[in-house]
Amino acid sequence: MRIKQDWMELTQEEIDNLPEDDWLHYQNGGCVCFAHDKSECVCGAWWRE
């Protein structure tokens, strides 16, 4: 099981700056990956099972 850590969520500013398609994907529980991010992808909708 994956344990949620702070870097796994986008900040509100990052969310506000997402393109519409990426925002809808993230909002529906999808992951958004950034080439400049040294970690992994960030995934939305943590409350969904």
N, C-alpha and C. Protein backbone atom coordinates (compact mmCIF):
# COMPACT_ATOMS: atom_id res chain seq x y z
N MET A 1 0.84 -1.19 0.00
CA MET A 1 0.00 0.00 0.00
C MET A 1 0.89 1.25 0.00
N ARG A 2 0.51 2.21 -0.76
CA ARG A 2 1.27 3.46 -0.86
C ARG A 2 0.88 4.40 0.28
N ILE A 3 1.86 4.91 0.98
CA ILE A 3 1.60 5.84 2.07
C ILE A 3 1.72 7.26 1.54
N LYS A 4 0.68 8.04 1.76
CA LYS A 4 0.64 9.41 1.27
C LYS A 4 1.67 10.27 1.99
N GLN A 5 2.46 11.01 1.22
CA GLN A 5 3.43 11.94 1.76
C GLN A 5 3.16 13.33 1.18
N ASP A 6 3.73 14.36 1.81
CA ASP A 6 3.43 15.73 1.42
C ASP A 6 3.69 16.01 -0.06
N TRP A 7 4.76 15.46 -0.62
CA TRP A 7 5.10 15.78 -2.00
C TRP A 7 4.15 15.15 -3.01
N MET A 8 3.30 14.25 -2.55
CA MET A 8 2.40 13.55 -3.46
C MET A 8 1.18 14.37 -3.84
N GLU A 9 0.98 15.49 -3.21
CA GLU A 9 -0.15 16.36 -3.53
C GLU A 9 0.35 17.67 -4.11
N LEU A 10 -0.43 18.21 -5.01
CA LEU A 10 -0.10 19.53 -5.55
C LEU A 10 -0.58 20.60 -4.59
N THR A 11 0.12 21.73 -4.59
CA THR A 11 -0.35 22.88 -3.81
C THR A 11 -1.53 23.51 -4.55
N GLN A 12 -2.25 24.37 -3.88
CA GLN A 12 -3.37 25.05 -4.53
C GLN A 12 -2.89 25.87 -5.71
N GLU A 13 -1.74 26.50 -5.57
CA GLU A 13 -1.18 27.29 -6.68
C GLU A 13 -0.87 26.41 -7.88
N GLU A 14 -0.28 25.24 -7.61
CA GLU A 14 0.02 24.32 -8.71
C GLU A 14 -1.26 23.82 -9.37
N ILE A 15 -2.27 23.54 -8.56
CA ILE A 15 -3.56 23.11 -9.11
C ILE A 15 -4.16 24.21 -9.98
N ASP A 16 -4.11 25.45 -9.49
CA ASP A 16 -4.67 26.57 -10.24
C ASP A 16 -3.97 26.78 -11.58
N ASN A 17 -2.71 26.39 -11.66
CA ASN A 17 -1.93 26.60 -12.88
C ASN A 17 -1.97 25.41 -13.85
N LEU A 18 -2.66 24.35 -13.47
CA LEU A 18 -2.75 23.19 -14.36
C LEU A 18 -3.60 23.52 -15.60
N PRO A 19 -3.21 22.99 -16.74
CA PRO A 19 -4.10 23.10 -17.90
C PRO A 19 -5.41 22.37 -17.59
N GLU A 20 -6.49 22.78 -18.23
CA GLU A 20 -7.81 22.24 -17.93
C GLU A 20 -7.85 20.70 -18.02
N ASP A 21 -7.24 20.14 -19.04
CA ASP A 21 -7.26 18.68 -19.19
C ASP A 21 -6.54 17.99 -18.03
N ASP A 22 -5.39 18.56 -17.62
CA ASP A 22 -4.65 17.97 -16.50
C ASP A 22 -5.44 18.11 -15.20
N TRP A 23 -6.12 19.25 -15.03
CA TRP A 23 -6.90 19.45 -13.82
C TRP A 23 -8.03 18.43 -13.73
N LEU A 24 -8.76 18.22 -14.81
CA LEU A 24 -9.85 17.26 -14.80
C LEU A 24 -9.35 15.86 -14.51
N HIS A 25 -8.21 15.51 -15.09
CA HIS A 25 -7.60 14.20 -14.86
C HIS A 25 -7.21 14.05 -13.38
N TYR A 26 -6.57 15.06 -12.83
CA TYR A 26 -6.15 15.05 -11.42
C TYR A 26 -7.36 15.00 -10.49
N GLN A 27 -8.37 15.80 -10.80
CA GLN A 27 -9.58 15.87 -9.98
C GLN A 27 -10.28 14.51 -9.92
N ASN A 28 -10.21 13.76 -11.00
CA ASN A 28 -10.86 12.46 -11.06
C ASN A 28 -9.98 11.32 -10.56
N GLY A 29 -8.87 11.65 -9.92
CA GLY A 29 -8.04 10.63 -9.30
C GLY A 29 -6.84 10.23 -10.13
N GLY A 30 -6.66 10.85 -11.28
CA GLY A 30 -5.52 10.52 -12.13
C GLY A 30 -4.23 11.13 -11.63
N CYS A 31 -3.14 10.66 -12.17
CA CYS A 31 -1.82 11.15 -11.79
C CYS A 31 -1.30 12.13 -12.83
N VAL A 32 -0.59 13.13 -12.37
CA VAL A 32 0.03 14.12 -13.25
C VAL A 32 1.54 14.03 -13.01
N CYS A 33 2.30 13.85 -14.08
CA CYS A 33 3.74 13.69 -13.96
C CYS A 33 4.46 14.91 -14.52
N PHE A 34 5.53 15.30 -13.88
CA PHE A 34 6.31 16.45 -14.29
C PHE A 34 7.75 16.02 -14.52
N ALA A 35 8.29 16.31 -15.68
CA ALA A 35 9.66 15.89 -16.01
C ALA A 35 10.68 16.55 -15.08
N HIS A 36 10.37 17.73 -14.57
CA HIS A 36 11.31 18.44 -13.71
C HIS A 36 11.23 17.98 -12.26
N ASP A 37 10.27 17.14 -11.95
CA ASP A 37 10.07 16.71 -10.57
C ASP A 37 10.94 15.51 -10.26
N LYS A 38 11.78 15.62 -9.26
CA LYS A 38 12.70 14.54 -8.93
C LYS A 38 12.00 13.38 -8.24
N SER A 39 10.79 13.61 -7.77
CA SER A 39 10.07 12.55 -7.08
C SER A 39 9.33 11.68 -8.08
N GLU A 40 8.06 11.50 -7.89
CA GLU A 40 7.25 10.71 -8.81
C GLU A 40 6.14 11.59 -9.33
N CYS A 41 5.12 10.92 -9.82
CA CYS A 41 3.93 11.64 -10.24
C CYS A 41 3.10 11.99 -8.99
N VAL A 42 2.28 13.00 -9.11
CA VAL A 42 1.34 13.33 -8.05
C VAL A 42 -0.04 12.89 -8.50
N CYS A 43 -0.81 12.35 -7.57
CA CYS A 43 -2.11 11.79 -7.92
C CYS A 43 -3.21 12.45 -7.11
N GLY A 44 -4.33 12.64 -7.74
CA GLY A 44 -5.46 13.30 -7.08
C GLY A 44 -6.43 12.32 -6.46
N ALA A 45 -7.46 12.88 -5.86
CA ALA A 45 -8.60 12.13 -5.31
C ALA A 45 -8.17 11.02 -4.36
N TRP A 46 -7.43 11.37 -3.33
CA TRP A 46 -6.97 10.38 -2.36
C TRP A 46 -8.10 9.76 -1.57
N TRP A 47 -9.26 10.41 -1.53
CA TRP A 47 -10.36 9.89 -0.73
C TRP A 47 -11.12 8.78 -1.46
N ARG A 48 -10.85 8.58 -2.72
CA ARG A 48 -11.52 7.52 -3.48
C ARG A 48 -10.83 6.19 -3.27
N GLU A 49 -11.60 5.11 -3.34
CA GLU A 49 -11.03 3.78 -3.19
C GLU A 49 -11.11 3.01 -4.48
